[in-house]
Amino acid sequence: MTTLLTLQKTIGFLVMPAGLIWLGLIAAAVSSWRRNGPRRAAFLTLVVLGYTLAGNIHIGHALMRNLEARVPGSHQLPATPFDAAFVFGGSTELDPFGRPELACSGDRVIAAARLYHAGLAKRLVASGVSSDSPTGPRNLAEETRQIWLSLGIPADAILLVPEPCWVTRDEVKAFKRLREEQAWEKAALISSAWHLPRIVRLAKKEGLSGTPFGSDWRGREHVFQIQDCVPQGAGFWRVNLAAWEYVGTLAGR
């Protein structure tokens, strides 16, 4: 049964757009080795290899796991409550009716709510702005606030960063200003675990002290499955997301 299921899934991924492109590239490379010169054949072979790695779920998991391991203890609950939990934006979307909902990295919003309800965070702070809406900039902090209210977080326990924060560095600077103004002694930096290494690096550079608290873990141990070697959307997404973090770190953003 397991073998049959593996075969079915492998065939299924092969007939998806990414799989069909992969098969086409392999066919072109093989044909080139037979009919064309070695330079063109070698180039096509490298293209096939790059495409294979870029869409491989196992590679994506490994890259994510490497990022998440760079902030030890970022999953541990505090012994005493945080005065404030800073939640980095980018974890909400709008449904077709303009109502906020959790995006793929929305676990960071839930993680903050859990800390509050457990009595481990006295105040939740949200930030972020997005330019992906045709009607104008989206206030991600306000979207997060509405979700928290629906989860039973009282309005007076929620604080929104007033200045627009377009990138992570903007958020770090805003959180530092708020912490100094409010004289908060203990603060949490909540985001996706794979995003925390860049946040910690920027926080240290900007002079913001805080305890990293991870959510939205993506680098779990993954059992090897042959169908996951076929390039597919989930693989491209993970590899791209990890690459974005590595490039952002190199760029100092």
C-alpha atoms as a PDB file:
ATOM      1  CA  MET A   1       0.000   0.000   0.000  1.00  0.00           C
ATOM      2  CA  THR A   2       2.826   2.380   0.906  1.00  0.00           C
ATOM      3  CA  THR A   3       4.653   1.665  -2.360  1.00  0.00           C
ATOM      4  CA  LEU A   4       1.481   2.216  -4.380  1.00  0.00           C
ATOM      5  CA  LEU A   5       0.768   5.488  -2.574  1.00  0.00           C
ATOM      6  CA  THR A   6       4.347   6.677  -3.182  1.00  0.00           C
ATOM      7  CA  LEU A   7       4.028   5.832  -6.869  1.00  0.00           C
ATOM      8  CA  GLN A   8       0.703   7.666  -7.134  1.00  0.00           C
ATOM      9  CA  LYS A   9       2.077  10.778  -5.441  1.00  0.00           C
ATOM     10  CA  THR A  10       5.251  10.751  -7.537  1.00  0.00           C
ATOM     11  CA  ILE A  11       3.242  10.532 -10.760  1.00  0.00           C
ATOM     12  CA  GLY A  12       0.933  13.243  -9.462  1.00  0.00           C
ATOM     13  CA  PHE A  13       3.822  15.647  -8.820  1.00  0.00           C
ATOM     14  CA  LEU A  14       5.347  14.821 -12.201  1.00  0.00           C
ATOM     15  CA  VAL A  15       2.199  15.919 -14.055  1.00  0.00           C
ATOM     16  CA  MET A  16       1.960  19.176 -12.144  1.00  0.00           C
ATOM     17  CA  PRO A  17       3.384  22.301 -13.902  1.00  0.00           C
ATOM     18  CA  ALA A  18       6.688  22.240 -11.982  1.00  0.00           C
ATOM     19  CA  GLY A  19       7.072  18.511 -12.625  1.00  0.00           C
ATOM     20  CA  LEU A  20       6.332  18.805 -16.336  1.00  0.00           C
ATOM     21  CA  ILE A  21       8.902  21.598 -16.697  1.00  0.00           C
ATOM     22  CA  TRP A  22      11.427  19.398 -14.877  1.00  0.00           C
ATOM     23  CA  LEU A  23      10.786  16.481 -17.237  1.00  0.00           C
ATOM     24  CA  GLY A  24      11.121  18.829 -20.200  1.00  0.00           C
ATOM     25  CA  LEU A  25      14.452  20.141 -18.935  1.00  0.00           C
ATOM     26  CA  ILE A  26      15.742  16.613 -18.374  1.00  0.00           C
ATOM     27  CA  ALA A  27      14.689  15.603 -21.886  1.00  0.00           C
ATOM     28  CA  ALA A  28      16.379  18.687 -23.353  1.00  0.00           C
ATOM     29  CA  ALA A  29      19.613  17.958 -21.467  1.00  0.00           C
ATOM     30  CA  VAL A  30      19.686  14.309 -22.538  1.00  0.00           C
ATOM     31  CA  SER A  31      18.980  15.273 -26.146  1.00  0.00           C
ATOM     32  CA  SER A  32      21.686  17.925 -26.026  1.00  0.00           C
ATOM     33  CA  TRP A  33      24.301  15.408 -24.888  1.00  0.00           C
ATOM     34  CA  ARG A  34      23.400  13.258 -27.886  1.00  0.00           C
ATOM     35  CA  ARG A  35      23.111  15.901 -30.587  1.00  0.00           C
ATOM     36  CA  ASN A  36      24.848  19.118 -29.500  1.00  0.00           C
ATOM     37  CA  GLY A  37      28.252  20.115 -28.212  1.00  0.00           C
ATOM     38  CA  PRO A  38      29.345  19.546 -24.613  1.00  0.00           C
ATOM     39  CA  ARG A  39      29.074  23.228 -23.667  1.00  0.00           C
ATOM     40  CA  ARG A  40      25.356  23.456 -24.335  1.00  0.00           C
ATOM     41  CA  ALA A  41      24.738  20.029 -22.840  1.00  0.00           C
ATOM     42  CA  ALA A  42      26.695  20.917 -19.696  1.00  0.00           C
ATOM     43  CA  PHE A  43      24.767  24.194 -19.370  1.00  0.00           C
ATOM     44  CA  LEU A  44      21.404  22.407 -19.627  1.00  0.00           C
ATOM     45  CA  THR A  45      22.574  19.822 -17.114  1.00  0.00           C
ATOM     46  CA  LEU A  46      23.424  22.595 -14.650  1.00  0.00           C
ATOM     47  CA  VAL A  47      19.988  24.126 -15.234  1.00  0.00           C
ATOM     48  CA  VAL A  48      18.359  20.770 -14.455  1.00  0.00           C
ATOM     49  CA  LEU A  49      20.447  20.424 -11.284  1.00  0.00           C
ATOM     50  CA  GLY A  50      19.651  23.950 -10.117  1.00  0.00           C
ATOM     51  CA  TYR A  51      15.935  23.507 -10.791  1.00  0.00           C
ATOM     52  CA  THR A  52      15.961  20.174  -8.970  1.00  0.00           C
ATOM     53  CA  LEU A  53      17.605  21.622  -5.874  1.00  0.00           C
ATOM     54  CA  ALA A  54      15.479  24.788  -5.875  1.00  0.00           C
ATOM     55  CA  GLY A  55      12.233  22.804  -5.824  1.00  0.00           C
ATOM     56  CA  ASN A  56      13.316  19.985  -3.505  1.00  0.00           C
ATOM     57  CA  ILE A  57      11.385  19.765  -0.238  1.00  0.00           C
ATOM     58  CA  HIS A  58      14.277  18.011   1.535  1.00  0.00           C
ATOM     59  CA  ILE A  59      16.618  20.892   0.646  1.00  0.00           C
ATOM     60  CA  GLY A  60      14.019  23.402   1.815  1.00  0.00           C
ATOM     61  CA  HIS A  61      13.619  21.656   5.164  1.00  0.00           C
ATOM     62  CA  ALA A  62      17.388  21.510   5.661  1.00  0.00           C
ATOM     63  CA  LEU A  63      17.818  25.225   4.946  1.00  0.00           C
ATOM     64  CA  MET A  64      14.968  26.116   7.300  1.00  0.00           C
ATOM     65  CA  ARG A  65      16.350  23.861  10.020  1.00  0.00           C
ATOM     66  CA  ASN A  66      19.728  25.548   9.737  1.00  0.00           C
ATOM     67  CA  LEU A  67      18.131  28.966  10.247  1.00  0.00           C
ATOM     68  CA  GLU A  68      15.975  27.870  13.177  1.00  0.00           C
ATOM     69  CA  ALA A  69      18.925  26.272  14.967  1.00  0.00           C
ATOM     70  CA  ARG A  70      20.772  29.600  15.064  1.00  0.00           C
ATOM     71  CA  VAL A  71      18.683  30.915  17.973  1.00  0.00           C
ATOM     72  CA  PRO A  72      18.923  28.310  20.767  1.00  0.00           C
ATOM     73  CA  GLY A  73      16.165  28.307  23.352  1.00  0.00           C
ATOM     74  CA  SER A  74      13.835  30.474  21.275  1.00  0.00           C
ATOM     75  CA  HIS A  75      10.931  28.128  22.030  1.00  0.00           C
ATOM     76  CA  GLN A  76      11.218  28.136  25.821  1.00  0.00           C
ATOM     77  CA  LEU A  77       8.524  29.712  27.978  1.00  0.00           C
ATOM     78  CA  PRO A  78       9.707  32.478  30.337  1.00  0.00           C
ATOM     79  CA  ALA A  79       9.899  31.945  34.070  1.00  0.00           C
ATOM     80  CA  THR A  80       8.352  35.382  34.671  1.00  0.00           C
ATOM     81  CA  PRO A  81       5.948  37.352  32.428  1.00  0.00           C
ATOM     82  CA  PHE A  82       7.203  39.610  29.651  1.00  0.00           C
ATOM     83  CA  ASP A  83       6.310  43.271  30.096  1.00  0.00           C
ATOM     84  CA  ALA A  84       5.689  43.339  26.347  1.00  0.00           C
ATOM     85  CA  ALA A  85       5.684  40.907  23.455  1.00  0.00           C
ATOM     86  CA  PHE A  86       6.728  42.484  20.163  1.00  0.00           C
ATOM     87  CA  VAL A  87       5.161  40.673  17.207  1.00  0.00           C
ATOM     88  CA  PHE A  88       6.757  41.276  13.828  1.00  0.00           C
ATOM     89  CA  GLY A  89       4.376  41.876  10.932  1.00  0.00           C
ATOM     90  CA  GLY A  90       3.796  39.846   7.801  1.00  0.00           C
ATOM     91  CA  SER A  91       1.481  37.252   9.299  1.00  0.00           C
ATOM     92  CA  THR A  92      -1.950  38.470   8.187  1.00  0.00           C
ATOM     93  CA  GLU A  93      -3.971  38.660   4.990  1.00  0.00           C
ATOM     94  CA  LEU A  94      -7.333  40.083   3.963  1.00  0.00           C
ATOM     95  CA  ASP A  95     -10.141  37.841   2.742  1.00  0.00           C
ATOM     96  CA  PRO A  96     -12.251  38.872  -0.309  1.00  0.00           C
ATOM     97  CA  PHE A  97     -14.492  40.874   2.018  1.00  0.00           C
ATOM     98  CA  GLY A  98     -11.674  42.922   3.567  1.00  0.00           C
ATOM     99  CA  ARG A  99     -11.602  41.024   6.845  1.00  0.00           C
ATOM    100  CA  PRO A 100      -8.209  40.132   8.374  1.00  0.00           C
ATOM    101  CA  GLU A 101      -7.184  36.506   8.606  1.00  0.00           C
ATOM    102  CA  LEU A 102      -3.990  34.627   9.402  1.00  0.00           C
ATOM    103  CA  ALA A 103      -1.446  34.189   6.615  1.00  0.00           C
ATOM    104  CA  CYS A 104       0.911  31.216   6.270  1.00  0.00           C
ATOM    105  CA  SER A 105       3.150  32.633   9.014  1.00  0.00           C
ATOM    106  CA  GLY A 106       0.215  33.580  11.230  1.00  0.00           C
ATOM    107  CA  ASP A 107       1.371  31.327  14.043  1.00  0.00           C
ATOM    108  CA  ARG A 108       3.355  34.263  15.445  1.00  0.00           C
ATOM    109  CA  VAL A 109       0.049  36.079  16.102  1.00  0.00           C
ATOM    110  CA  ILE A 110      -1.336  33.006  17.856  1.00  0.00           C
ATOM    111  CA  ALA A 111       1.878  32.492  19.832  1.00  0.00           C
ATOM    112  CA  ALA A 112       1.579  35.998  21.280  1.00  0.00           C
ATOM    113  CA  ALA A 113      -2.089  35.430  22.183  1.00  0.00           C
ATOM    114  CA  ARG A 114      -1.164  32.200  23.946  1.00  0.00           C
ATOM    115  CA  LEU A 115       1.498  33.972  25.981  1.00  0.00           C
ATOM    116  CA  TYR A 116      -1.035  36.601  27.048  1.00  0.00           C
ATOM    117  CA  HIS A 117      -3.728  34.098  28.029  1.00  0.00           C
ATOM    118  CA  ALA A 118      -1.120  32.083  29.943  1.00  0.00           C
ATOM    119  CA  GLY A 119      -0.224  35.191  31.932  1.00  0.00           C
ATOM    120  CA  LEU A 120       3.242  35.310  30.381  1.00  0.00           C
ATOM    121  CA  ALA A 121       2.888  38.616  28.497  1.00  0.00           C
ATOM    122  CA  LYS A 122       1.342  41.770  29.932  1.00  0.00           C
ATOM    123  CA  ARG A 123       1.139  43.720  26.677  1.00  0.00           C
ATOM    124  CA  LEU A 124       1.092  42.705  22.999  1.00  0.00           C
ATOM    125  CA  VAL A 125       2.642  45.046  20.439  1.00  0.00           C
ATOM    126  CA  ALA A 126       2.032  44.791  16.679  1.00  0.00           C
ATOM    127  CA  SER A 127       3.664  46.479  13.714  1.00  0.00           C
ATOM    128  CA  GLY A 128       4.004  46.345   9.949  1.00  0.00           C
ATOM    129  CA  VAL A 129       2.766  47.866   6.699  1.00  0.00           C
ATOM    130  CA  SER A 130       2.329  46.179   3.320  1.00  0.00           C
ATOM    131  CA  SER A 131       2.081  47.633  -0.181  1.00  0.00           C
ATOM    132  CA  ASP A 132       0.520  44.562  -1.808  1.00  0.00           C
ATOM    133  CA  SER A 133      -3.035  45.927  -1.916  1.00  0.00           C
ATOM    134  CA  PRO A 134      -4.358  47.733  -5.042  1.00  0.00           C
ATOM    135  CA  THR A 135      -6.382  50.053  -2.786  1.00  0.00           C
ATOM    136  CA  GLY A 136      -3.348  51.377  -0.884  1.00  0.00           C
ATOM    137  CA  PRO A 137      -1.019  50.367   1.962  1.00  0.00           C
ATOM    138  CA  ARG A 138      -2.318  47.749   4.368  1.00  0.00           C
ATOM    139  CA  ASN A 139      -1.922  48.351   8.091  1.00  0.00           C
ATOM    140  CA  LEU A 140      -0.701  44.937   9.239  1.00  0.00           C
ATOM    141  CA  ALA A 141      -0.615  46.071  12.865  1.00  0.00           C
ATOM    142  CA  GLU A 142      -4.324  46.921  12.766  1.00  0.00           C
ATOM    143  CA  GLU A 143      -5.117  43.615  11.106  1.00  0.00           C
ATOM    144  CA  THR A 144      -3.244  41.827  13.886  1.00  0.00           C
ATOM    145  CA  ARG A 145      -5.110  43.857  16.504  1.00  0.00           C
ATOM    146  CA  GLN A 146      -8.488  42.801  15.101  1.00  0.00           C
ATOM    147  CA  ILE A 147      -7.491  39.138  15.228  1.00  0.00           C
ATOM    148  CA  TRP A 148      -6.271  39.496  18.813  1.00  0.00           C
ATOM    149  CA  LEU A 149      -9.551  41.132  19.819  1.00  0.00           C
ATOM    150  CA  SER A 150     -11.445  38.194  18.309  1.00  0.00           C
ATOM    151  CA  LEU A 151      -9.253  35.855  20.403  1.00  0.00           C
ATOM    152  CA  GLY A 152     -10.275  37.550  23.633  1.00  0.00           C
ATOM    153  CA  ILE A 153      -7.320  39.896  24.118  1.00  0.00           C
ATOM    154  CA  PRO A 154      -8.600  43.108  25.766  1.00  0.00           C
ATOM    155  CA  ALA A 155      -8.070  46.323  23.806  1.00  0.00           C
ATOM    156  CA  ASP A 156      -6.051  47.941  26.594  1.00  0.00           C
ATOM    157  CA  ALA A 157      -3.513  45.088  26.412  1.00  0.00           C
ATOM    158  CA  ILE A 158      -2.774  45.797  22.730  1.00  0.00           C
ATOM    159  CA  LEU A 159      -0.453  48.510  21.451  1.00  0.00           C
ATOM    160  CA  LEU A 160       0.152  49.343  17.795  1.00  0.00           C
ATOM    161  CA  VAL A 161       3.374  50.853  16.503  1.00  0.00           C
ATOM    162  CA  PRO A 162       2.294  54.261  15.104  1.00  0.00           C
ATOM    163  CA  GLU A 163       5.033  54.702  12.498  1.00  0.00           C
ATOM    164  CA  PRO A 164       4.932  52.719   9.237  1.00  0.00           C
ATOM    165  CA  CYS A 165       7.320  49.771   9.304  1.00  0.00           C
ATOM    166  CA  TRP A 166       8.049  48.461   5.821  1.00  0.00           C
ATOM    167  CA  VAL A 167      11.010  46.199   6.605  1.00  0.00           C
ATOM    168  CA  THR A 168      12.325  44.321   9.621  1.00  0.00           C
ATOM    169  CA  ARG A 169      14.852  47.011  10.456  1.00  0.00           C
ATOM    170  CA  ASP A 170      12.021  49.576  10.745  1.00  0.00           C
ATOM    171  CA  GLU A 171      10.242  47.330  13.220  1.00  0.00           C
ATOM    172  CA  VAL A 172      13.354  46.830  15.324  1.00  0.00           C
ATOM    173  CA  LYS A 173      13.867  50.591  15.572  1.00  0.00           C
ATOM    174  CA  ALA A 174      10.209  51.172  16.461  1.00  0.00           C
ATOM    175  CA  PHE A 175      10.229  48.474  19.135  1.00  0.00           C
ATOM    176  CA  LYS A 176      13.398  49.932  20.632  1.00  0.00           C
ATOM    177  CA  ARG A 177      11.785  53.377  20.860  1.00  0.00           C
ATOM    178  CA  LEU A 178       8.651  51.966  22.500  1.00  0.00           C
ATOM    179  CA  ARG A 179      10.614  49.935  25.007  1.00  0.00           C
ATOM    180  CA  GLU A 180      12.601  52.980  26.077  1.00  0.00           C
ATOM    181  CA  GLU A 181       9.469  55.164  26.294  1.00  0.00           C
ATOM    182  CA  GLN A 182       7.491  52.594  28.298  1.00  0.00           C
ATOM    183  CA  ALA A 183      10.473  51.530  30.428  1.00  0.00           C
ATOM    184  CA  TRP A 184       9.716  47.875  29.821  1.00  0.00           C
ATOM    185  CA  GLU A 185      12.331  45.709  31.502  1.00  0.00           C
ATOM    186  CA  LYS A 186      11.547  42.376  29.865  1.00  0.00           C
ATOM    187  CA  ALA A 187      10.401  42.030  26.265  1.00  0.00           C
ATOM    188  CA  ALA A 188       9.889  39.169  23.820  1.00  0.00           C
ATOM    189  CA  LEU A 189      10.691  39.304  20.112  1.00  0.00           C
ATOM    190  CA  ILE A 190       8.104  37.042  18.485  1.00  0.00           C
ATOM    191  CA  SER A 191       8.354  35.938  14.887  1.00  0.00           C
ATOM    192  CA  SER A 192       8.730  32.862  12.723  1.00  0.00           C
ATOM    193  CA  ALA A 193      11.665  30.813  14.000  1.00  0.00           C
ATOM    194  CA  TRP A 194      13.408  30.950  10.607  1.00  0.00           C
ATOM    195  CA  HIS A 195      13.168  34.770  10.674  1.00  0.00           C
ATOM    196  CA  LEU A 196      14.572  35.170  14.192  1.00  0.00           C
ATOM    197  CA  PRO A 197      18.304  34.975  13.325  1.00  0.00           C
ATOM    198  CA  ARG A 198      17.995  38.118  11.194  1.00  0.00           C
ATOM    199  CA  ILE A 199      15.872  39.832  13.847  1.00  0.00           C
ATOM    200  CA  VAL A 200      18.374  39.039  16.602  1.00  0.00           C
ATOM    201  CA  ARG A 201      21.218  40.322  14.443  1.00  0.00           C
ATOM    202  CA  LEU A 202      19.424  43.591  13.672  1.00  0.00           C
ATOM    203  CA  ALA A 203      18.290  44.012  17.279  1.00  0.00           C
ATOM    204  CA  LYS A 204      21.854  43.681  18.508  1.00  0.00           C
ATOM    205  CA  LYS A 205      23.008  46.189  15.905  1.00  0.00           C
ATOM    206  CA  GLU A 206      20.297  48.711  16.846  1.00  0.00           C
ATOM    207  CA  GLY A 207      20.698  48.226  20.598  1.00  0.00           C
ATOM    208  CA  LEU A 208      17.346  46.512  21.193  1.00  0.00           C
ATOM    209  CA  SER A 209      17.474  43.857  23.891  1.00  0.00           C
ATOM    210  CA  GLY A 210      14.795  41.199  23.969  1.00  0.00           C
ATOM    211  CA  THR A 211      14.202  37.480  24.292  1.00  0.00           C
ATOM    212  CA  PRO A 212      13.628  35.755  20.934  1.00  0.00           C
ATOM    213  CA  PHE A 213      10.521  33.573  20.930  1.00  0.00           C
ATOM    214  CA  GLY A 214       9.981  31.380  17.906  1.00  0.00           C
ATOM    215  CA  SER A 215       6.810  30.231  16.180  1.00  0.00           C
ATOM    216  CA  ASP A 216       5.839  28.912  12.743  1.00  0.00           C
ATOM    217  CA  TRP A 217       8.590  26.278  12.772  1.00  0.00           C
ATOM    218  CA  ARG A 218       9.340  24.956   9.264  1.00  0.00           C
ATOM    219  CA  GLY A 219      12.538  22.925   9.647  1.00  0.00           C
ATOM    220  CA  ARG A 220      11.206  19.807  11.333  1.00  0.00           C
ATOM    221  CA  GLU A 221      12.851  16.481  10.644  1.00  0.00           C
ATOM    222  CA  HIS A 222      11.389  15.149   7.410  1.00  0.00           C
ATOM    223  CA  VAL A 223      11.261  11.459   6.494  1.00  0.00           C
ATOM    224  CA  PHE A 224      12.818  10.839   3.100  1.00  0.00           C
ATOM    225  CA  GLN A 225      10.174  10.239   0.459  1.00  0.00           C
ATOM    226  CA  ILE A 226      11.002   9.765  -3.199  1.00  0.00           C
ATOM    227  CA  GLN A 227       8.099  11.947  -4.359  1.00  0.00           C
ATOM    228  CA  ASP A 228       9.623  14.909  -2.518  1.00  0.00           C
ATOM    229  CA  CYS A 229      12.612  14.767  -4.861  1.00  0.00           C
ATOM    230  CA  VAL A 230      10.344  15.951  -7.680  1.00  0.00           C
ATOM    231  CA  PRO A 231      10.480  19.781  -7.864  1.00  0.00           C
ATOM    232  CA  GLN A 232       7.197  21.164  -6.531  1.00  0.00           C
ATOM    233  CA  GLY A 233       5.600  24.294  -5.147  1.00  0.00           C
ATOM    234  CA  ALA A 234       6.211  23.481  -1.485  1.00  0.00           C
ATOM    235  CA  GLY A 235       9.887  22.890  -2.203  1.00  0.00           C
ATOM    236  CA  PHE A 236      10.335  26.122  -4.167  1.00  0.00           C
ATOM    237  CA  TRP A 237       8.511  28.023  -1.408  1.00  0.00           C
ATOM    238  CA  ARG A 238      10.740  26.738   1.394  1.00  0.00           C
ATOM    239  CA  VAL A 239      13.981  27.170  -0.524  1.00  0.00           C
ATOM    240  CA  ASN A 240      12.973  30.674  -1.612  1.00  0.00           C
ATOM    241  CA  LEU A 241      11.939  31.665   1.907  1.00  0.00           C
ATOM    242  CA  ALA A 242      15.229  30.449   3.381  1.00  0.00           C
ATOM    243  CA  ALA A 243      17.229  32.123   0.604  1.00  0.00           C
ATOM    244  CA  TRP A 244      15.425  35.404   1.325  1.00  0.00           C
ATOM    245  CA  GLU A 245      16.614  35.258   4.931  1.00  0.00           C
ATOM    246  CA  TYR A 246      20.197  34.469   3.957  1.00  0.00           C
ATOM    247  CA  VAL A 247      20.273  37.291   1.398  1.00  0.00           C
ATOM    248  CA  GLY A 248      18.635  39.685   3.857  1.00  0.00           C
ATOM    249  CA  THR A 249      21.306  38.880   6.426  1.00  0.00           C
ATOM    250  CA  LEU A 250      24.076  39.519   3.894  1.00  0.00           C
ATOM    251  CA  ALA A 251      22.433  42.795   2.898  1.00  0.00           C
ATOM    252  CA  GLY A 252      22.055  43.890   6.528  1.00  0.00           C
ATOM    253  CA  ARG A 253      18.284  44.309   6.189  1.00  0.00           C
END
